PDB file of all heavy atoms in Angstrom:
ATOM      1  N   THR A   1       0.826  -1.215   0.000  1.00  0.00           N
ATOM      2  CA  THR A   1       0.000   0.000   0.000  1.00  0.00           C
ATOM      3  C   THR A   1       0.862   1.268   0.000  1.00  0.00           C
ATOM      4  O   THR A   1       0.455   2.297  -0.530  1.00  0.00           O
ATOM      5  CB  THR A   1      -0.975   0.030   1.207  1.00  0.00           C
ATOM      6  OG1 THR A   1      -0.239  -0.246   2.409  1.00  0.00           O
ATOM      7  CG2 THR A   1      -2.071  -1.005   1.057  1.00  0.00           C
ATOM      8  N   ALA A   2       2.076   1.162   0.585  1.00  0.00           N
ATOM      9  CA  ALA A   2       2.979   2.323   0.577  1.00  0.00           C
ATOM     10  C   ALA A   2       3.545   2.555  -0.822  1.00  0.00           C
ATOM     11  O   ALA A   2       3.651   3.687  -1.287  1.00  0.00           O
ATOM     12  CB  ALA A   2       4.122   2.102   1.574  1.00  0.00           C
ATOM     13  N   ARG A   3       3.883   1.453  -1.510  1.00  0.00           N
ATOM     14  CA  ARG A   3       4.506   1.598  -2.832  1.00  0.00           C
ATOM     15  C   ARG A   3       3.470   1.804  -3.940  1.00  0.00           C
ATOM     16  O   ARG A   3       3.755   2.453  -4.953  1.00  0.00           O
ATOM     17  CB  ARG A   3       5.346   0.353  -3.130  1.00  0.00           C
ATOM     18  CG  ARG A   3       6.109   0.494  -4.422  1.00  0.00           C
ATOM     19  CD  ARG A   3       7.145  -0.567  -4.641  1.00  0.00           C
ATOM     20  NE  ARG A   3       7.713  -0.413  -5.973  1.00  0.00           N
ATOM     21  CZ  ARG A   3       8.460  -1.310  -6.564  1.00  0.00           C
ATOM     22  NH1 ARG A   3       8.771  -2.414  -5.942  1.00  0.00           N
ATOM     23  NH2 ARG A   3       8.933  -1.110  -7.772  1.00  0.00           N
ATOM     24  N   TYR A   4       2.296   1.220  -3.766  1.00  0.00           N
ATOM     25  CA  TYR A   4       1.241   1.342  -4.789  1.00  0.00           C
ATOM     26  C   TYR A   4      -0.008   1.960  -4.149  1.00  0.00           C
ATOM     27  O   TYR A   4      -1.002   1.261  -3.899  1.00  0.00           O
ATOM     28  CB  TYR A   4       0.903  -0.035  -5.377  1.00  0.00           C
ATOM     29  CG  TYR A   4       2.106  -0.780  -5.908  1.00  0.00           C
ATOM     30  CD1 TYR A   4       2.774  -1.698  -5.106  1.00  0.00           C
ATOM     31  CD2 TYR A   4       2.582  -0.557  -7.201  1.00  0.00           C
ATOM     32  CE1 TYR A   4       3.888  -2.380  -5.575  1.00  0.00           C
ATOM     33  CE2 TYR A   4       3.691  -1.238  -7.682  1.00  0.00           C
ATOM     34  CZ  TYR A   4       4.340  -2.154  -6.862  1.00  0.00           C
ATOM     35  OH  TYR A   4       5.440  -2.824  -7.334  1.00  0.00           O
ATOM     36  N   PRO A   5       0.024   3.274  -3.860  1.00  0.00           N
ATOM     37  CA  PRO A   5      -1.095   3.915  -3.157  1.00  0.00           C
ATOM     38  C   PRO A   5      -2.417   3.851  -3.927  1.00  0.00           C
ATOM     39  O   PRO A   5      -3.491   3.931  -3.328  1.00  0.00           O
ATOM     40  CB  PRO A   5      -0.634   5.361  -2.963  1.00  0.00           C
ATOM     41  CG  PRO A   5       0.506   5.560  -3.911  1.00  0.00           C
ATOM     42  CD  PRO A   5       1.110   4.216  -4.163  1.00  0.00           C
ATOM     43  N   LYS A   6      -2.349   3.688  -5.254  1.00  0.00           N
ATOM     44  CA  LYS A   6      -3.587   3.661  -6.048  1.00  0.00           C
ATOM     45  C   LYS A   6      -4.282   2.298  -5.982  1.00  0.00           C
ATOM     46  O   LYS A   6      -5.441   2.172  -6.336  1.00  0.00           O
ATOM     47  CB  LYS A   6      -3.286   3.999  -7.512  1.00  0.00           C
ATOM     48  CG  LYS A   6      -2.932   5.471  -7.710  1.00  0.00           C
ATOM     49  CD  LYS A   6      -2.680   5.778  -9.165  1.00  0.00           C
ATOM     50  CE  LYS A   6      -2.261   7.234  -9.326  1.00  0.00           C
ATOM     51  NZ  LYS A   6      -1.839   7.530 -10.697  1.00  0.00           N
ATOM     52  N   ALA A   7      -3.549   1.290  -5.558  1.00  0.00           N
ATOM     53  CA  ALA A   7      -4.148  -0.053  -5.480  1.00  0.00           C
ATOM     54  C   ALA A   7      -5.183  -0.078  -4.356  1.00  0.00           C
ATOM     55  O   ALA A   7      -4.902   0.302  -3.231  1.00  0.00           O
ATOM     56  CB  ALA A   7      -3.063  -1.090  -5.208  1.00  0.00           C
ATOM     57  N   SER A   8      -6.395  -0.499  -4.693  1.00  0.00           N
ATOM     58  CA  SER A   8      -7.446  -0.524  -3.665  1.00  0.00           C
ATOM     59  C   SER A   8      -7.588  -1.938  -3.121  1.00  0.00           C
ATOM     60  O   SER A   8      -8.300  -2.764  -3.675  1.00  0.00           O
ATOM     61  CB  SER A   8      -8.766  -0.035  -4.250  1.00  0.00           C
ATOM     62  OG  SER A   8      -9.084  -0.789  -5.403  1.00  0.00           O
ATOM     63  N   LEU A   9      -6.878  -2.212  -2.045  1.00  0.00           N
ATOM     64  CA  LEU A   9      -6.930  -3.535  -1.426  1.00  0.00           C
ATOM     65  C   LEU A   9      -8.012  -3.564  -0.345  1.00  0.00           C
ATOM     66  O   LEU A   9      -8.278  -2.541   0.287  1.00  0.00           O
ATOM     67  CB  LEU A   9      -5.579  -3.875  -0.790  1.00  0.00           C
ATOM     68  CG  LEU A   9      -4.410  -4.150  -1.745  1.00  0.00           C
ATOM     69  CD1 LEU A   9      -3.132  -4.371  -0.955  1.00  0.00           C
ATOM     70  CD2 LEU A   9      -4.701  -5.359  -2.619  1.00  0.00           C
ATOM     71  N   PRO A  10      -8.600  -4.735  -0.116  1.00  0.00           N
ATOM     72  CA  PRO A  10      -9.563  -4.838   0.997  1.00  0.00           C
ATOM     73  C   PRO A  10      -8.867  -4.501   2.317  1.00  0.00           C
ATOM     74  O   PRO A  10      -7.645  -4.575   2.422  1.00  0.00           O
ATOM     75  CB  PRO A  10      -9.970  -6.324   0.965  1.00  0.00           C
ATOM     76  CG  PRO A  10      -9.602  -6.812  -0.400  1.00  0.00           C
ATOM     77  CD  PRO A  10      -8.440  -5.991  -0.848  1.00  0.00           C
ATOM     78  N   LEU A  11      -9.664  -4.165   3.310  1.00  0.00           N
ATOM     79  CA  LEU A  11      -9.098  -3.776   4.609  1.00  0.00           C
ATOM     80  C   LEU A  11      -8.392  -4.940   5.290  1.00  0.00           C
ATOM     81  O   LEU A  11      -8.808  -6.088   5.165  1.00  0.00           O
ATOM     82  CB  LEU A  11     -10.200  -3.251   5.531  1.00  0.00           C
ATOM     83  CG  LEU A  11     -10.772  -1.870   5.194  1.00  0.00           C
ATOM     84  CD1 LEU A  11     -11.956  -1.558   6.089  1.00  0.00           C
ATOM     85  CD2 LEU A  11      -9.701  -0.796   5.336  1.00  0.00           C
ATOM     86  N   LEU A  12      -7.331  -4.604   6.024  1.00  0.00           N
ATOM     87  CA  LEU A  12      -6.594  -5.588   6.811  1.00  0.00           C
ATOM     88  C   LEU A  12      -7.388  -5.885   8.087  1.00  0.00           C
ATOM     89  O   LEU A  12      -7.971  -4.976   8.668  1.00  0.00           O
ATOM     90  CB  LEU A  12      -5.223  -4.990   7.169  1.00  0.00           C
ATOM     91  CG  LEU A  12      -4.125  -5.906   7.689  1.00  0.00           C
ATOM     92  CD1 LEU A  12      -3.651  -6.862   6.594  1.00  0.00           C
ATOM     93  CD2 LEU A  12      -2.949  -5.083   8.183  1.00  0.00           C
ATOM     94  N   PRO A  13      -7.410  -7.142   8.553  1.00  0.00           N
ATOM     95  CA  PRO A  13      -8.120  -7.425   9.809  1.00  0.00           C
ATOM     96  C   PRO A  13      -7.518  -6.627  10.960  1.00  0.00           C
ATOM     97  O   PRO A  13      -6.320  -6.380  10.984  1.00  0.00           O
ATOM     98  CB  PRO A  13      -7.885  -8.928  10.029  1.00  0.00           C
ATOM     99  CG  PRO A  13      -7.347  -9.466   8.759  1.00  0.00           C
ATOM    100  CD  PRO A  13      -6.795  -8.329   7.973  1.00  0.00           C
ATOM    101  N   ARG A  14      -8.363  -6.246  11.910  1.00  0.00           N
ATOM    102  CA  ARG A  14      -7.869  -5.425  13.027  1.00  0.00           C
ATOM    103  C   ARG A  14      -6.943  -6.246  13.913  1.00  0.00           C
ATOM    104  O   ARG A  14      -7.035  -7.472  13.983  1.00  0.00           O
ATOM    105  CB  ARG A  14      -9.038  -4.863  13.834  1.00  0.00           C
ATOM    106  CG  ARG A  14      -9.878  -5.911  14.496  1.00  0.00           C
ATOM    107  CD  ARG A  14     -11.245  -5.399  14.914  1.00  0.00           C
ATOM    108  NE  ARG A  14     -12.097  -6.516  15.298  1.00  0.00           N
ATOM    109  CZ  ARG A  14     -12.128  -7.038  16.514  1.00  0.00           C
ATOM    110  NH1 ARG A  14     -11.352  -6.548  17.468  1.00  0.00           N
ATOM    111  NH2 ARG A  14     -12.905  -8.058  16.801  1.00  0.00           N
ATOM    112  N   LYS A  15      -6.069  -5.526  14.610  1.00  0.00           N
ATOM    113  CA  LYS A  15      -5.095  -6.176  15.484  1.00  0.00           C
ATOM    114  C   LYS A  15      -5.660  -6.229  16.899  1.00  0.00           C
ATOM    115  O   LYS A  15      -6.104  -5.219  17.430  1.00  0.00           O
ATOM    116  CB  LYS A  15      -3.800  -5.352  15.472  1.00  0.00           C
ATOM    117  CG  LYS A  15      -2.600  -6.115  15.921  1.00  0.00           C
ATOM    118  CD  LYS A  15      -1.369  -5.280  15.650  1.00  0.00           C
ATOM    119  CE  LYS A  15      -0.196  -6.180  15.360  1.00  0.00           C
ATOM    120  NZ  LYS A  15       0.967  -5.447  14.944  1.00  0.00           N
ATOM    121  N   VAL A  16      -5.675  -7.417  17.496  1.00  0.00           N
ATOM    122  CA  VAL A  16      -6.127  -7.557  18.876  1.00  0.00           C
ATOM    123  C   VAL A  16      -5.080  -8.346  19.653  1.00  0.00           C
ATOM    124  O   VAL A  16      -4.345  -9.142  19.075  1.00  0.00           O
ATOM    125  CB  VAL A  16      -7.501  -8.274  18.963  1.00  0.00           C
ATOM    126  CG1 VAL A  16      -8.611  -7.388  18.462  1.00  0.00           C
ATOM    127  CG2 VAL A  16      -7.488  -9.592  18.206  1.00  0.00           C
ATOM    128  N   LEU A  17      -5.012  -8.107  20.963  1.00  0.00           N
ATOM    129  CA  LEU A  17      -3.999  -8.773  21.776  1.00  0.00           C
ATOM    130  C   LEU A  17      -4.324 -10.249  21.960  1.00  0.00           C
ATOM    131  O   LEU A  17      -3.475 -11.116  21.802  1.00  0.00           O
ATOM    132  CB  LEU A  17      -3.887  -8.078  23.137  1.00  0.00           C
ATOM    133  CG  LEU A  17      -2.729  -8.527  24.017  1.00  0.00           C
ATOM    134  CD1 LEU A  17      -1.389  -8.346  23.306  1.00  0.00           C
ATOM    135  CD2 LEU A  17      -2.719  -7.750  25.325  1.00  0.00           C
ATOM    136  N   PHE A  18      -5.577 -10.547  22.293  1.00  0.00           N
ATOM    137  CA  PHE A  18      -5.979 -11.943  22.481  1.00  0.00           C
ATOM    138  C   PHE A  18      -6.911 -12.341  21.336  1.00  0.00           C
ATOM    139  O   PHE A  18      -7.967 -11.752  21.156  1.00  0.00           O
ATOM    140  CB  PHE A  18      -6.665 -12.128  23.837  1.00  0.00           C
ATOM    141  CG  PHE A  18      -5.750 -11.847  24.980  1.00  0.00           C
ATOM    142  CD1 PHE A  18      -5.837 -10.648  25.668  1.00  0.00           C
ATOM    143  CD2 PHE A  18      -4.765 -12.754  25.346  1.00  0.00           C
ATOM    144  CE1 PHE A  18      -4.978 -10.364  26.723  1.00  0.00           C
ATOM    145  CE2 PHE A  18      -3.906 -12.486  26.393  1.00  0.00           C
ATOM    146  CZ  PHE A  18      -4.010 -11.285  27.083  1.00  0.00           C
ATOM    147  N   VAL A  19      -6.493 -13.358  20.583  1.00  0.00           N
ATOM    148  CA  VAL A  19      -7.229 -13.752  19.386  1.00  0.00           C
ATOM    149  C   VAL A  19      -8.010 -15.038  19.667  1.00  0.00           C
ATOM    150  O   VAL A  19      -7.446 -16.030  20.108  1.00  0.00           O
ATOM    151  CB  VAL A  19      -6.257 -13.982  18.211  1.00  0.00           C
ATOM    152  CG1 VAL A  19      -7.013 -14.337  16.947  1.00  0.00           C
ATOM    153  CG2 VAL A  19      -5.413 -12.733  17.976  1.00  0.00           C
ATOM    154  N   GLY A  20      -9.309 -15.002  19.392  1.00  0.00           N
ATOM    155  CA  GLY A  20     -10.156 -16.185  19.565  1.00  0.00           C
ATOM    156  C   GLY A  20     -10.377 -16.893  18.241  1.00  0.00           C
ATOM    157  O   GLY A  20      -9.957 -16.415  17.186  1.00  0.00           O
ATOM    158  N   GLU A  21     -11.047 -18.025  18.309  1.00  0.00           N
ATOM    159  CA  GLU A  21     -11.297 -18.848  17.110  1.00  0.00           C
ATOM    160  C   GLU A  21     -12.054 -18.067  16.045  1.00  0.00           C
ATOM    161  O   GLU A  21     -11.735 -18.137  14.863  1.00  0.00           O
ATOM    162  CB  GLU A  21     -12.099 -20.089  17.521  1.00  0.00           C
ATOM    163  CG  GLU A  21     -12.096 -21.192  16.469  1.00  0.00           C
ATOM    164  CD  GLU A  21     -10.770 -21.929  16.365  1.00  0.00           C
ATOM    165  OE1 GLU A  21     -10.032 -22.015  17.361  1.00  0.00           O
ATOM    166  OE2 GLU A  21     -10.481 -22.404  15.255  1.00  0.00           O
ATOM    167  N   SER A  22     -13.052 -17.273  16.478  1.00  0.00           N
ATOM    168  CA  SER A  22     -13.848 -16.514  15.502  1.00  0.00           C
ATOM    169  C   SER A  22     -12.999 -15.445  14.818  1.00  0.00           C
ATOM    170  O   SER A  22     -13.148 -15.178  13.627  1.00  0.00           O
ATOM    171  CB  SER A  22     -15.063 -15.864  16.174  1.00  0.00           C
ATOM    172  OG  SER A  22     -14.642 -14.977  17.193  1.00  0.00           O
ATOM    173  N   ASP A  23     -12.062 -14.841  15.593  1.00  0.00           N
ATOM    174  CA  ASP A  23     -11.154 -13.836  15.006  1.00  0.00           C
ATOM    175  C   ASP A  23     -10.287 -14.474  13.927  1.00  0.00           C
ATOM    176  O   ASP A  23     -10.047 -13.896  12.862  1.00  0.00           O
ATOM    177  CB  ASP A  23     -10.230 -13.234  16.078  1.00  0.00           C
ATOM    178  CG  ASP A  23     -11.000 -12.470  17.141  1.00  0.00           C
ATOM    179  OD1 ASP A  23     -11.795 -11.611  16.763  1.00  0.00           O
ATOM    180  OD2 ASP A  23     -10.793 -12.750  18.336  1.00  0.00           O
ATOM    181  N   ILE A  24      -9.783 -15.687  14.228  1.00  0.00           N
ATOM    182  CA  ILE A  24      -8.887 -16.382  13.295  1.00  0.00           C
ATOM    183  C   ILE A  24      -9.628 -16.714  12.005  1.00  0.00           C
ATOM    184  O   ILE A  24      -9.106 -16.517  10.903  1.00  0.00           O
ATOM    185  CB  ILE A  24      -8.307 -17.661  13.947  1.00  0.00           C
ATOM    186  CG1 ILE A  24      -7.433 -17.293  15.157  1.00  0.00           C
ATOM    187  CG2 ILE A  24      -7.474 -18.453  12.940  1.00  0.00           C
ATOM    188  CD1 ILE A  24      -7.031 -18.478  16.024  1.00  0.00           C
ATOM    189  N   CYS A  25     -10.869 -17.211  12.147  1.00  0.00           N
ATOM    190  CA  CYS A  25     -11.679 -17.540  10.957  1.00  0.00           C
ATOM    191  C   CYS A  25     -11.947 -16.287  10.116  1.00  0.00           C
ATOM    192  O   CYS A  25     -11.880 -16.318   8.889  1.00  0.00           O
ATOM    193  CB  CYS A  25     -13.014 -18.164  11.372  1.00  0.00           C
ATOM    194  SG  CYS A  25     -12.831 -19.785  12.110  1.00  0.00           S
ATOM    195  N   GLU A  26     -12.244 -15.193  10.820  1.00  0.00           N
ATOM    196  CA  GLU A  26     -12.507 -13.920  10.131  1.00  0.00           C
ATOM    197  C   GLU A  26     -11.237 -13.435   9.419  1.00  0.00           C
ATOM    198  O   GLU A  26     -11.288 -12.968   8.281  1.00  0.00           O
ATOM    199  CB  GLU A  26     -12.967 -12.883  11.158  1.00  0.00           C
ATOM    200  CG  GLU A  26     -13.421 -11.567  10.532  1.00  0.00           C
ATOM    201  CD  GLU A  26     -13.766 -10.512  11.590  1.00  0.00           C
ATOM    202  OE1 GLU A  26     -14.055 -10.885  12.753  1.00  0.00           O
ATOM    203  OE2 GLU A  26     -13.728  -9.333  11.239  1.00  0.00           O
ATOM    204  N   ARG A  27     -10.090 -13.563  10.096  1.00  0.00           N
ATOM    205  CA  ARG A  27      -8.821 -13.150   9.490  1.00  0.00           C
ATOM    206  C   ARG A  27      -8.518 -13.960   8.233  1.00  0.00           C
ATOM    207  O   ARG A  27      -8.089 -13.417   7.223  1.00  0.00           O
ATOM    208  CB  ARG A  27      -7.666 -13.328  10.487  1.00  0.00           C
ATOM    209  CG  ARG A  27      -7.619 -12.243  11.536  1.00  0.00           C
ATOM    210  CD  ARG A  27      -6.448 -12.448  12.483  1.00  0.00           C
ATOM    211  NE  ARG A  27      -6.328 -11.328  13.402  1.00  0.00           N
ATOM    212  CZ  ARG A  27      -5.306 -11.156  14.238  1.00  0.00           C
ATOM    213  NH1 ARG A  27      -4.340 -12.049  14.287  1.00  0.00           N
ATOM    214  NH2 ARG A  27      -5.248 -10.107  15.030  1.00  0.00           N
ATOM    215  N   ARG A  28      -8.745 -15.293   8.307  1.00  0.00           N
ATOM    216  CA  ARG A  28      -8.464 -16.132   7.135  1.00  0.00           C
ATOM    217  C   ARG A  28      -9.293 -15.652   5.941  1.00  0.00           C
ATOM    218  O   ARG A  28      -8.781 -15.519   4.832  1.00  0.00           O
ATOM    219  CB  ARG A  28      -8.789 -17.598   7.440  1.00  0.00           C
ATOM    220  CG  ARG A  28      -8.396 -18.525   6.277  1.00  0.00           C
ATOM    221  CD  ARG A  28      -9.293 -19.743   6.175  1.00  0.00           C
ATOM    222  NE  ARG A  28     -10.688 -19.426   5.936  1.00  0.00           N
ATOM    223  CZ  ARG A  28     -11.196 -19.085   4.745  1.00  0.00           C
ATOM    224  NH1 ARG A  28     -10.412 -18.978   3.676  1.00  0.00           N
ATOM    225  NH2 ARG A  28     -12.480 -18.818   4.617  1.00  0.00           N
ATOM    226  N   ALA A  29     -10.583 -15.375   6.171  1.00  0.00           N
ATOM    227  CA  ALA A  29     -11.472 -14.918   5.093  1.00  0.00           C
ATOM    228  C   ALA A  29     -10.999 -13.571   4.531  1.00  0.00           C
ATOM    229  O   ALA A  29     -10.992 -13.357   3.315  1.00  0.00           O
ATOM    230  CB  ALA A  29     -12.900 -14.811   5.601  1.00  0.00           C
ATOM    231  N   MET A  30     -10.575 -12.677   5.430  1.00  0.00           N
ATOM    232  CA  MET A  30     -10.122 -11.345   4.987  1.00  0.00           C
ATOM    233  C   MET A  30      -8.782 -11.434   4.251  1.00  0.00           C
ATOM    234  O   MET A  30      -8.573 -10.764   3.238  1.00  0.00           O
ATOM    235  CB  MET A  30     -10.034 -10.395   6.178  1.00  0.00           C
ATOM    236  CG  MET A  30     -11.403 -10.048   6.755  1.00  0.00           C
ATOM    237  SD  MET A  30     -11.331  -9.023   8.245  1.00  0.00           S
ATOM    238  CE  MET A  30     -11.154  -7.383   7.537  1.00  0.00           C
ATOM    239  N   PHE A  31      -7.885 -12.291   4.755  1.00  0.00           N
ATOM    240  CA  PHE A  31      -6.599 -12.495   4.063  1.00  0.00           C
ATOM    241  C   PHE A  31      -6.843 -13.103   2.683  1.00  0.00           C
ATOM    242  O   PHE A  31      -6.155 -12.779   1.716  1.00  0.00           O
ATOM    243  CB  PHE A  31      -5.682 -13.415   4.875  1.00  0.00           C
ATOM    244  CG  PHE A  31      -5.072 -12.755   6.092  1.00  0.00           C
ATOM    245  CD1 PHE A  31      -4.767 -13.504   7.224  1.00  0.00           C
ATOM    246  CD2 PHE A  31      -4.781 -11.393   6.106  1.00  0.00           C
ATOM    247  CE1 PHE A  31      -4.195 -12.899   8.349  1.00  0.00           C
ATOM    248  CE2 PHE A  31      -4.216 -10.785   7.220  1.00  0.00           C
ATOM    249  CZ  PHE A  31      -3.920 -11.541   8.337  1.00  0.00           C
ATOM    250  N   ASN A  32      -7.833 -13.989   2.583  1.00  0.00           N
ATOM    251  CA  ASN A  32      -8.171 -14.618   1.311  1.00  0.00           C
ATOM    252  C   ASN A  32      -8.604 -13.552   0.306  1.00  0.00           C
ATOM    253  O   ASN A  32      -8.154 -13.552  -0.855  1.00  0.00           O
ATOM    254  CB  ASN A  32      -9.289 -15.640   1.522  1.00  0.00           C
ATOM    255  CG  ASN A  32      -9.538 -16.490   0.296  1.00  0.00           C
ATOM    256  OD1 ASN A  32      -8.629 -17.127  -0.237  1.00  0.00           O
ATOM    257  ND2 ASN A  32     -10.770 -16.507  -0.177  1.00  0.00           N
ATOM    258  N   ASP A  33      -9.446 -12.609   0.755  1.00  0.00           N
ATOM    259  CA  ASP A  33      -9.890 -11.508  -0.121  1.00  0.00           C
ATOM    260  C   ASP A  33      -8.704 -10.637  -0.541  1.00  0.00           C
ATOM    261  O   ASP A  33      -8.610 -10.213  -1.695  1.00  0.00           O
ATOM    262  CB  ASP A  33     -10.921 -10.629   0.608  1.00  0.00           C
ATOM    263  CG  ASP A  33     -12.247 -11.356   0.822  1.00  0.00           C
ATOM    264  OD1 ASP A  33     -12.483 -12.375   0.138  1.00  0.00           O
ATOM    265  OD2 ASP A  33     -13.034 -10.913   1.676  1.00  0.00           O
ATOM    266  N   ILE A  34      -7.806 -10.382   0.421  1.00  0.00           N
ATOM    267  CA  ILE A  34      -6.648  -9.521   0.130  1.00  0.00           C
ATOM    268  C   ILE A  34      -5.737 -10.152  -0.921  1.00  0.00           C
ATOM    269  O   ILE A  34      -5.372  -9.506  -1.906  1.00  0.00           O
ATOM    270  CB  ILE A  34      -5.857  -9.215   1.426  1.00  0.00           C
ATOM    271  CG1 ILE A  34      -6.656  -8.265   2.330  1.00  0.00           C
ATOM    272  CG2 ILE A  34      -4.490  -8.586   1.100  1.00  0.00           C
ATOM    273  CD1 ILE A  34      -6.106  -8.118   3.747  1.00  0.00           C
ATOM    274  N   VAL A  35      -5.374 -11.441  -0.728  1.00  0.00           N
ATOM    275  CA  VAL A  35      -4.438 -12.065  -1.692  1.00  0.00           C
ATOM    276  C   VAL A  35      -5.096 -12.259  -3.057  1.00  0.00           C
ATOM    277  O   VAL A  35      -4.416 -12.171  -4.083  1.00  0.00           O
ATOM    278  CB  VAL A  35      -3.839 -13.395  -1.160  1.00  0.00           C
ATOM    279  CG1 VAL A  35      -3.034 -13.161   0.105  1.00  0.00           C
ATOM    280  CG2 VAL A  35      -4.886 -14.474  -0.964  1.00  0.00           C
ATOM    281  N   LYS A  36      -6.403 -12.501  -3.072  1.00  0.00           N
ATOM    282  CA  LYS A  36      -7.097 -12.614  -4.364  1.00  0.00           C
ATOM    283  C   LYS A  36      -7.046 -11.275  -5.098  1.00  0.00           C
ATOM    284  O   LYS A  36      -6.848 -11.227  -6.317  1.00  0.00           O
ATOM    285  CB  LYS A  36      -8.559 -13.054  -4.148  1.00  0.00           C
ATOM    286  CG  LYS A  36      -8.712 -14.551  -3.936  1.00  0.00           C
ATOM    287  CD  LYS A  36     -10.170 -14.957  -3.896  1.00  0.00           C
ATOM    288  CE  LYS A  36     -10.346 -16.448  -3.678  1.00  0.00           C
ATOM    289  NZ  LYS A  36      -9.744 -17.283  -4.711  1.00  0.00           N
ATOM    290  N   SER A  37      -7.228 -10.202  -4.335  1.00  0.00           N
ATOM    291  CA  SER A  37      -7.178  -8.865  -4.919  1.00  0.00           C
ATOM    292  C   SER A  37      -5.766  -8.560  -5.455  1.00  0.00           C
ATOM    293  O   SER A  37      -5.616  -7.996  -6.538  1.00  0.00           O
ATOM    294  CB  SER A  37      -7.583  -7.846  -3.858  1.00  0.00           C
ATOM    295  OG  SER A  37      -7.595  -6.554  -4.385  1.00  0.00           O
ATOM    296  N   ILE A  38      -4.751  -8.963  -4.682  1.00  0.00           N
ATOM    297  CA  ILE A  38      -3.353  -8.751  -5.104  1.00  0.00           C
ATOM    298  C   ILE A  38      -3.075  -9.504  -6.409  1.00  0.00           C
ATOM    299  O   ILE A  38      -2.473  -8.976  -7.338  1.00  0.00           O
ATOM    300  CB  ILE A  38      -2.370  -9.225  -4.004  1.00  0.00           C
ATOM    301  CG1 ILE A  38      -2.419  -8.277  -2.793  1.00  0.00           C
ATOM    302  CG2 ILE A  38      -0.939  -9.327  -4.547  1.00  0.00           C
ATOM    303  CD1 ILE A  38      -1.654  -8.783  -1.567  1.00  0.00           C
ATOM    304  N   SER A  39      -3.556 -10.755  -6.481  1.00  0.00           N
ATOM    305  CA  SER A  39      -3.248 -11.587  -7.659  1.00  0.00           C
ATOM    306  C   SER A  39      -3.963 -11.119  -8.922  1.00  0.00           C
ATOM    307  O   SER A  39      -3.584 -11.487 -10.031  1.00  0.00           O
ATOM    308  CB  SER A  39      -3.579 -13.053  -7.383  1.00  0.00           C
ATOM    309  OG  SER A  39      -4.957 -13.220  -7.117  1.00  0.00           O
ATOM    310  N   LYS A  40      -4.996 -10.272  -8.762  1.00  0.00           N
ATOM    311  CA  LYS A  40      -5.712  -9.747  -9.941  1.00  0.00           C
ATOM    312  C   LYS A  40      -5.085  -8.460 -10.465  1.00  0.00           C
ATOM    313  O   LYS A  40      -5.399  -8.032 -11.572  1.00  0.00           O
ATOM    314  CB  LYS A  40      -7.179  -9.479  -9.568  1.00  0.00           C
ATOM    315  CG  LYS A  40      -7.996 -10.742  -9.437  1.00  0.00           C
ATOM    316  CD  LYS A  40      -9.404 -10.431  -8.976  1.00  0.00           C
ATOM    317  CE  LYS A  40     -10.172 -11.725  -8.745  1.00  0.00           C
ATOM    318  NZ  LYS A  40     -11.392 -11.522  -7.990  1.00  0.00           N
TER     319      LYS A  40
END
């Protein structure tokens, strides 16, 4: 995002100190959207 400011990537999952199972599942889905967007 710093090098390619025009690239519109989906939002990064928020950072939390203690991560639960639901957070991890949500992160996987969001990371999946991000890498798919990068590969396009």
